[in-house]
């Protein structure tokens, strides 16, 4: 996915880093969201290059403590102080920014475009969010918990479901809108789930893609809904997120193949949409309480 904002390789260049892994997502309305991991064992030797102005926010979650972080917005230095592990800082890029820290750092930066926030408030029928606010460096256990769920995707992006990444990044957007932007949702208006035709189309598409990747925005588009509306409505109707529902169907199909074919577990794993046998085994044991091999032997006795 092409990078058109202060995330991924562009953010790495601003900070004079060699690289920065990124997970990027687009909403149904093509608004940009991204999560970038930024790490340095030496810190910055000089002030970062200016980050160009744009209609977006950067929410930074520190994965290790940092004694000193300087943030400049326009010509003004923003008082920040030290950041503990789990500490959060927010910068509005409409004014541009520069940062400096001489200390080693490891953090996740959540890039939230103004367009994505506006799309979410329109979808929920709430007033537009003016800004995102959080005391610089204050610990946020909820954001830290959400971030930890997506960390394995940076280590093994090819082995992580696209649907799962979409859901977590969407959850991060919703959390930021509520916690930092003050968005309040009228949940009475949000009830009702999906229309019968939408449920049929969503489950049909997910079943068709048991052995391949599918994005949340792709399924939402088939149902003529925004991504956030679809994800919320699907869970209301089914009681599971789309990702969990898809994993359960893949496991059902894997069980059928283990009972009716002589295929090896690695072949079954790939054929049912898992990245490899290890990820299949983890998912199977989490649901069934036993390994696929033990389950197969027991059922065949």
Protein backbone atom coordinates (compact mmCIF):
# COMPACT_ATOMS: atom_id res chain seq x y z
CA UNK A 1 0.00 0.00 0.00
CA UNK A 2 1.46 3.39 -1.02
CA UNK A 3 2.42 5.64 1.89
CA UNK A 4 0.93 9.12 1.73
CA UNK A 5 1.44 10.41 5.24
CA UNK A 6 3.68 10.55 8.31
CA UNK A 7 4.02 6.82 8.89
CA UNK A 8 6.16 3.87 7.82
CA UNK A 9 9.14 4.71 5.60
CA UNK A 10 8.28 8.41 5.54
CA UNK A 11 8.36 8.66 9.34
CA UNK A 12 11.61 6.67 9.41
CA UNK A 13 13.12 9.19 7.00
CA UNK A 14 11.99 12.14 9.16
CA UNK A 15 13.72 10.55 12.19
CA UNK A 16 16.81 9.44 10.22
CA UNK A 17 16.10 5.77 10.87
CA UNK A 18 16.98 3.04 8.41
CA UNK A 19 13.52 1.48 8.44
CA UNK A 20 10.23 1.27 10.30
CA UNK A 21 7.78 -1.64 9.86
CA UNK A 22 4.22 -0.52 9.29
CA UNK A 23 0.71 -1.98 9.21
CA UNK A 24 -1.47 0.20 7.00
CA UNK A 25 -5.24 0.06 6.57
CA UNK A 26 -7.73 2.03 4.49
CA UNK A 27 -11.36 2.53 5.47
CA UNK A 28 -14.24 2.00 3.07
CA UNK A 29 -14.07 5.70 2.26
CA UNK A 30 -10.32 5.32 1.47
CA UNK A 31 -9.23 7.20 4.59
CA UNK A 32 -5.79 6.23 5.86
CA UNK A 33 -4.85 4.55 9.14
CA UNK A 34 -1.48 3.06 10.04
CA UNK A 35 0.58 1.68 12.91
CA UNK A 36 4.36 2.13 12.71
CA UNK A 37 6.97 0.68 15.04
CA UNK A 38 9.90 3.03 15.64
CA UNK A 39 13.04 1.77 17.40
CA UNK A 40 16.54 3.03 18.06
CA UNK A 41 19.18 1.73 20.46
CA UNK A 42 21.10 5.02 20.33
CA UNK A 43 18.43 7.70 20.23
CA UNK A 44 18.51 10.65 17.83
CA UNK A 45 21.73 12.58 17.37
CA UNK A 46 19.85 15.66 16.16
CA UNK A 47 16.39 17.12 15.84
CA UNK A 48 14.18 15.26 13.39
CA UNK A 49 13.44 16.73 10.01
CA UNK A 50 10.21 18.76 10.01
CA UNK A 51 7.17 16.54 9.66
CA UNK A 52 5.01 18.22 6.99
CA UNK A 53 1.64 19.65 7.93
CA UNK A 54 -1.35 17.47 7.14
CA UNK A 55 -4.82 16.74 8.44
CA UNK A 56 -3.90 13.87 10.74
CA UNK A 57 -2.94 12.99 14.30
CA UNK A 58 -0.08 10.87 15.61
CA UNK A 59 -0.71 8.97 18.84
CA UNK A 60 2.56 7.59 20.23
CA UNK A 61 2.65 4.71 22.72
CA UNK A 62 6.05 4.13 24.35
CA UNK A 63 7.02 0.46 24.69
CA UNK A 64 10.00 1.34 26.92
CA UNK A 65 10.54 4.23 29.29
CA UNK A 66 12.19 7.37 27.91
CA UNK A 67 13.61 10.07 30.17
CA UNK A 68 13.47 12.90 27.69
CA UNK A 69 11.38 13.64 24.60
CA UNK A 70 11.21 17.11 23.02
CA UNK A 71 8.26 17.90 20.75
CA UNK A 72 8.06 21.10 18.73
CA UNK A 73 4.80 22.09 17.05
CA UNK A 74 5.34 24.98 14.70
CA UNK A 75 7.76 27.25 16.59
CA UNK A 76 6.46 26.23 20.02
CA UNK A 77 8.10 23.67 22.30
CA UNK A 78 5.48 21.44 23.92
CA UNK A 79 6.29 20.50 27.55
CA UNK A 80 6.38 16.71 27.73
CA UNK A 81 8.64 15.42 30.50
CA UNK A 82 9.63 11.73 30.80
CA UNK A 83 7.56 8.92 29.30
CA UNK A 84 7.05 5.69 31.25
CA UNK A 85 6.49 2.37 29.53
CA UNK A 86 2.90 2.63 28.30
CA UNK A 87 3.02 6.44 28.29
CA UNK A 88 1.14 8.20 25.49
CA UNK A 89 1.63 11.43 23.58
CA UNK A 90 -0.51 13.02 20.85
CA UNK A 91 0.56 15.46 18.13
CA UNK A 92 -1.79 17.26 15.75
CA UNK A 93 0.02 17.42 12.41
CA UNK A 94 -2.01 20.32 11.07
CA UNK A 95 0.73 22.54 12.48
CA UNK A 96 3.67 20.34 11.51
CA UNK A 97 6.08 18.94 14.10
CA UNK A 98 9.68 18.08 14.99
CA UNK A 99 10.90 15.75 17.71
CA UNK A 100 14.17 15.04 19.50
CA UNK A 101 15.19 12.37 22.00
CA UNK A 102 18.81 11.48 22.74
CA UNK A 103 17.78 8.27 24.50
CA UNK A 104 17.11 4.78 23.11
CA UNK A 105 13.43 4.41 22.24
CA UNK A 106 10.88 1.83 21.16
CA UNK A 107 7.38 2.98 20.41
CA UNK A 108 4.29 2.46 18.31
CA UNK A 109 2.89 5.40 16.38
CA UNK A 110 -0.75 5.32 15.40
CA UNK A 111 -1.43 7.49 12.36
CA UNK A 112 -5.07 8.63 12.37
CA UNK A 113 -6.08 10.79 9.43
CA UNK A 114 -8.69 13.48 9.94
CA UNK A 115 -10.70 11.84 7.15
CA UNK A 116 -10.86 8.56 9.10
CA UNK A 117 -12.08 10.32 12.24
CA UNK A 118 -14.68 12.26 10.25
CA UNK A 119 -15.88 9.04 8.61
CA UNK A 120 -16.32 7.42 12.02
CA UNK A 121 -18.33 10.30 13.50
CA UNK A 122 -20.57 10.45 10.41
CA UNK A 123 -21.16 6.72 10.70
CA UNK A 124 -22.15 7.05 14.37
CA UNK A 125 -24.18 10.21 13.85
CA UNK A 126 -22.10 12.16 16.37
CA UNK A 127 -20.57 15.66 16.21
CA UNK A 128 -17.25 16.06 14.47
CA UNK A 129 -14.21 15.61 16.72
CA UNK A 130 -12.28 18.87 17.03
CA UNK A 131 -9.08 17.44 18.45
CA UNK A 132 -7.52 14.52 20.31
CA UNK A 133 -6.18 15.23 23.81
CA UNK A 134 -4.25 13.26 26.44
CA UNK A 135 -1.71 14.46 29.04
CA UNK A 136 1.76 13.95 27.57
CA UNK A 137 3.39 10.87 29.08
CA UNK A 138 0.37 9.68 31.04
CA UNK A 139 0.06 5.88 31.15
CA UNK A 140 -2.89 4.44 29.22
CA UNK A 141 -3.40 0.76 30.11
CA UNK A 142 -6.22 0.27 27.61
CA UNK A 143 -4.24 1.51 24.61
CA UNK A 144 -1.28 -0.54 25.79
CA UNK A 145 -3.46 -3.66 25.90
CA UNK A 146 -4.81 -3.03 22.38
CA UNK A 147 -1.30 -2.42 21.08
CA UNK A 148 0.01 -5.68 22.52
CA UNK A 149 -2.58 -7.62 20.51
CA UNK A 150 -1.10 -6.35 17.25
CA UNK A 151 2.60 -6.65 18.15
CA UNK A 152 2.97 -10.22 16.76
CA UNK A 153 1.95 -8.89 13.34
CA UNK A 154 5.18 -6.87 13.19
CA UNK A 155 7.23 -10.01 13.82
CA UNK A 156 5.28 -12.21 11.41
CA UNK A 157 3.23 -10.06 9.00
CA UNK A 158 2.81 -12.86 6.47
CA UNK A 159 1.39 -15.16 9.12
CA UNK A 160 -1.17 -12.66 10.45
CA UNK A 161 -4.71 -12.49 9.11
CA UNK A 162 -5.51 -9.34 7.16
CA UNK A 163 -8.96 -9.40 8.72
CA UNK A 164 -7.43 -9.42 12.21
CA UNK A 165 -5.15 -6.46 11.43
CA UNK A 166 -8.11 -4.49 10.05
CA UNK A 167 -10.17 -5.19 13.16
CA UNK A 168 -7.44 -4.18 15.62
CA UNK A 169 -6.57 -0.97 13.76
CA UNK A 170 -10.27 -0.12 13.54
CA UNK A 171 -10.58 -0.75 17.29
CA UNK A 172 -7.64 1.60 17.86
CA UNK A 173 -9.41 4.31 15.84
CA UNK A 174 -12.63 3.84 17.82
CA UNK A 175 -10.74 3.90 21.12
CA UNK A 176 -8.91 7.11 20.19
CA UNK A 177 -12.16 8.75 19.06
CA UNK A 178 -13.89 7.90 22.36
CA UNK A 179 -11.04 8.34 24.84
CA UNK A 180 -9.02 11.17 23.30
CA UNK A 181 -11.70 12.82 21.16
CA UNK A 182 -14.69 12.58 23.52
CA UNK A 183 -16.95 10.88 20.99
CA UNK A 184 -20.13 9.52 22.57
CA UNK A 185 -22.26 6.95 20.76
CA UNK A 186 -26.00 6.49 21.07
CA UNK A 187 -25.96 2.70 21.32
CA UNK A 188 -29.74 2.51 21.05
CA UNK A 189 -29.38 3.66 17.45
CA UNK A 190 -26.63 1.11 16.84
CA UNK A 191 -28.71 -2.00 17.56
CA UNK A 192 -30.20 -4.29 14.95
CA UNK A 193 -27.25 -6.13 13.43
CA UNK A 194 -27.32 -6.84 9.69
CA UNK A 195 -30.18 -7.21 7.26
CA UNK A 196 -30.71 -10.83 6.10
CA UNK A 197 -29.21 -10.15 2.67
CA UNK A 198 -26.17 -8.50 4.26
CA UNK A 199 -25.62 -11.44 6.58
CA UNK A 200 -25.91 -13.88 3.66
CA UNK A 201 -23.46 -11.93 1.52
CA UNK A 202 -20.96 -11.46 4.34
CA UNK A 203 -20.91 -15.13 5.34
CA UNK A 204 -20.88 -16.24 1.69
CA UNK A 205 -17.83 -14.10 0.96
CA UNK A 206 -16.04 -15.22 4.10
CA UNK A 207 -16.72 -18.87 3.26
CA UNK A 208 -15.50 -18.33 -0.31
CA UNK A 209 -12.23 -17.01 1.11
CA UNK A 210 -11.56 -19.70 3.70
CA UNK A 211 -8.27 -20.52 1.99
CA UNK A 212 -7.11 -16.96 1.32
CA UNK A 213 -6.96 -13.47 2.79
CA UNK A 214 -9.90 -11.08 2.90
CA UNK A 215 -10.02 -7.56 4.31
CA UNK A 216 -12.71 -6.12 6.53
CA UNK A 217 -13.27 -3.25 4.10
CA UNK A 218 -13.85 -5.70 1.26
CA UNK A 219 -16.63 -7.52 3.15
CA UNK A 220 -18.12 -4.24 4.38
CA UNK A 221 -18.24 -2.91 0.81
CA UNK A 222 -20.19 -6.00 -0.31
CA UNK A 223 -22.74 -5.17 2.40
CA UNK A 224 -22.81 -1.46 1.40
CA UNK A 225 -21.74 -0.40 4.89
CA UNK A 226 -18.81 1.46 6.39
CA UNK A 227 -16.16 -0.72 7.99
CA UNK A 228 -17.01 0.34 11.57
CA UNK A 229 -20.76 -0.12 11.03
CA UNK A 230 -20.28 -3.54 9.47
CA UNK A 231 -17.90 -4.80 12.19
CA UNK A 232 -20.22 -3.63 14.96
CA UNK A 233 -23.36 -4.99 13.29
CA UNK A 234 -21.79 -8.36 12.45
CA UNK A 235 -20.86 -8.92 16.08
CA UNK A 236 -24.34 -7.88 17.22
CA UNK A 237 -25.94 -10.33 14.81
CA UNK A 238 -23.56 -13.28 15.29
CA UNK A 239 -22.01 -12.74 18.70
CA UNK A 240 -18.51 -12.96 17.21
CA UNK A 241 -16.19 -10.66 15.32
CA UNK A 242 -15.78 -11.45 11.60
CA UNK A 243 -12.23 -12.64 12.27
CA UNK A 244 -13.28 -15.06 15.02
CA UNK A 245 -16.20 -16.35 12.91
CA UNK A 246 -13.83 -16.97 9.98
CA UNK A 247 -11.31 -18.81 12.18
CA UNK A 248 -14.07 -21.07 13.51
CA UNK A 249 -15.22 -21.93 9.96
CA UNK A 250 -11.61 -22.68 8.96
CA UNK A 251 -11.28 -24.99 11.95
CA UNK A 252 -14.55 -26.72 11.04
CA UNK A 253 -13.24 -27.34 7.52
CA UNK A 254 -9.91 -28.58 8.89
CA UNK A 255 -11.70 -31.10 11.11
CA UNK A 256 -13.62 -32.46 8.11
CA UNK A 257 -10.39 -32.89 6.16
CA UNK A 258 -8.63 -34.57 9.08
CA UNK A 259 -11.46 -37.12 9.30
CA UNK A 260 -12.07 -37.72 5.60
CA UNK A 261 -8.67 -37.35 3.93
CA UNK A 262 -5.09 -38.54 4.29
CA UNK A 263 -3.66 -35.04 3.85
CA UNK A 264 -0.88 -34.03 6.22
CA UNK A 265 -1.53 -31.37 8.85
CA UNK A 266 0.62 -28.80 7.03
CA UNK A 267 -1.38 -29.30 3.82
CA UNK A 268 -4.65 -29.00 5.71
CA UNK A 269 -3.44 -25.85 7.45
CA UNK A 270 -2.54 -24.09 4.19
CA UNK A 271 -5.68 -25.37 2.44
CA UNK A 272 -7.87 -23.93 5.20
CA UNK A 273 -6.33 -20.46 5.10
CA UNK A 274 -3.80 -20.65 7.95
CA UNK A 275 -0.34 -19.22 7.38
CA UNK A 276 1.37 -22.44 8.44
CA UNK A 277 0.95 -25.55 10.57
CA UNK A 278 2.09 -23.74 13.73
CA UNK A 279 -0.60 -21.05 13.49
CA UNK A 280 -3.19 -23.74 12.70
CA UNK A 281 -2.13 -25.76 15.76
CA UNK A 282 -2.31 -22.73 18.05
CA UNK A 283 -5.81 -21.83 16.87
CA UNK A 284 -6.99 -25.43 17.07
CA UNK A 285 -5.67 -25.97 20.61
CA UNK A 286 -7.15 -22.67 21.80
CA UNK A 287 -10.62 -23.80 20.71
CA UNK A 288 -10.47 -27.58 21.19
CA UNK A 289 -8.06 -27.87 24.10
CA UNK A 290 -5.88 -30.39 22.27
CA UNK A 291 -3.52 -30.51 19.30
CA UNK A 292 -4.78 -31.36 15.78
CA UNK A 293 -2.67 -34.52 15.74
CA UNK A 294 -4.04 -35.80 19.06
CA UNK A 295 -7.61 -34.90 18.02
CA UNK A 296 -7.21 -36.77 14.73
CA UNK A 297 -5.81 -39.89 16.38
CA UNK A 298 -8.54 -39.94 19.03
CA UNK A 299 -11.34 -39.56 16.49
CA UNK A 300 -9.92 -42.31 14.28
CA UNK A 301 -9.63 -44.89 17.04
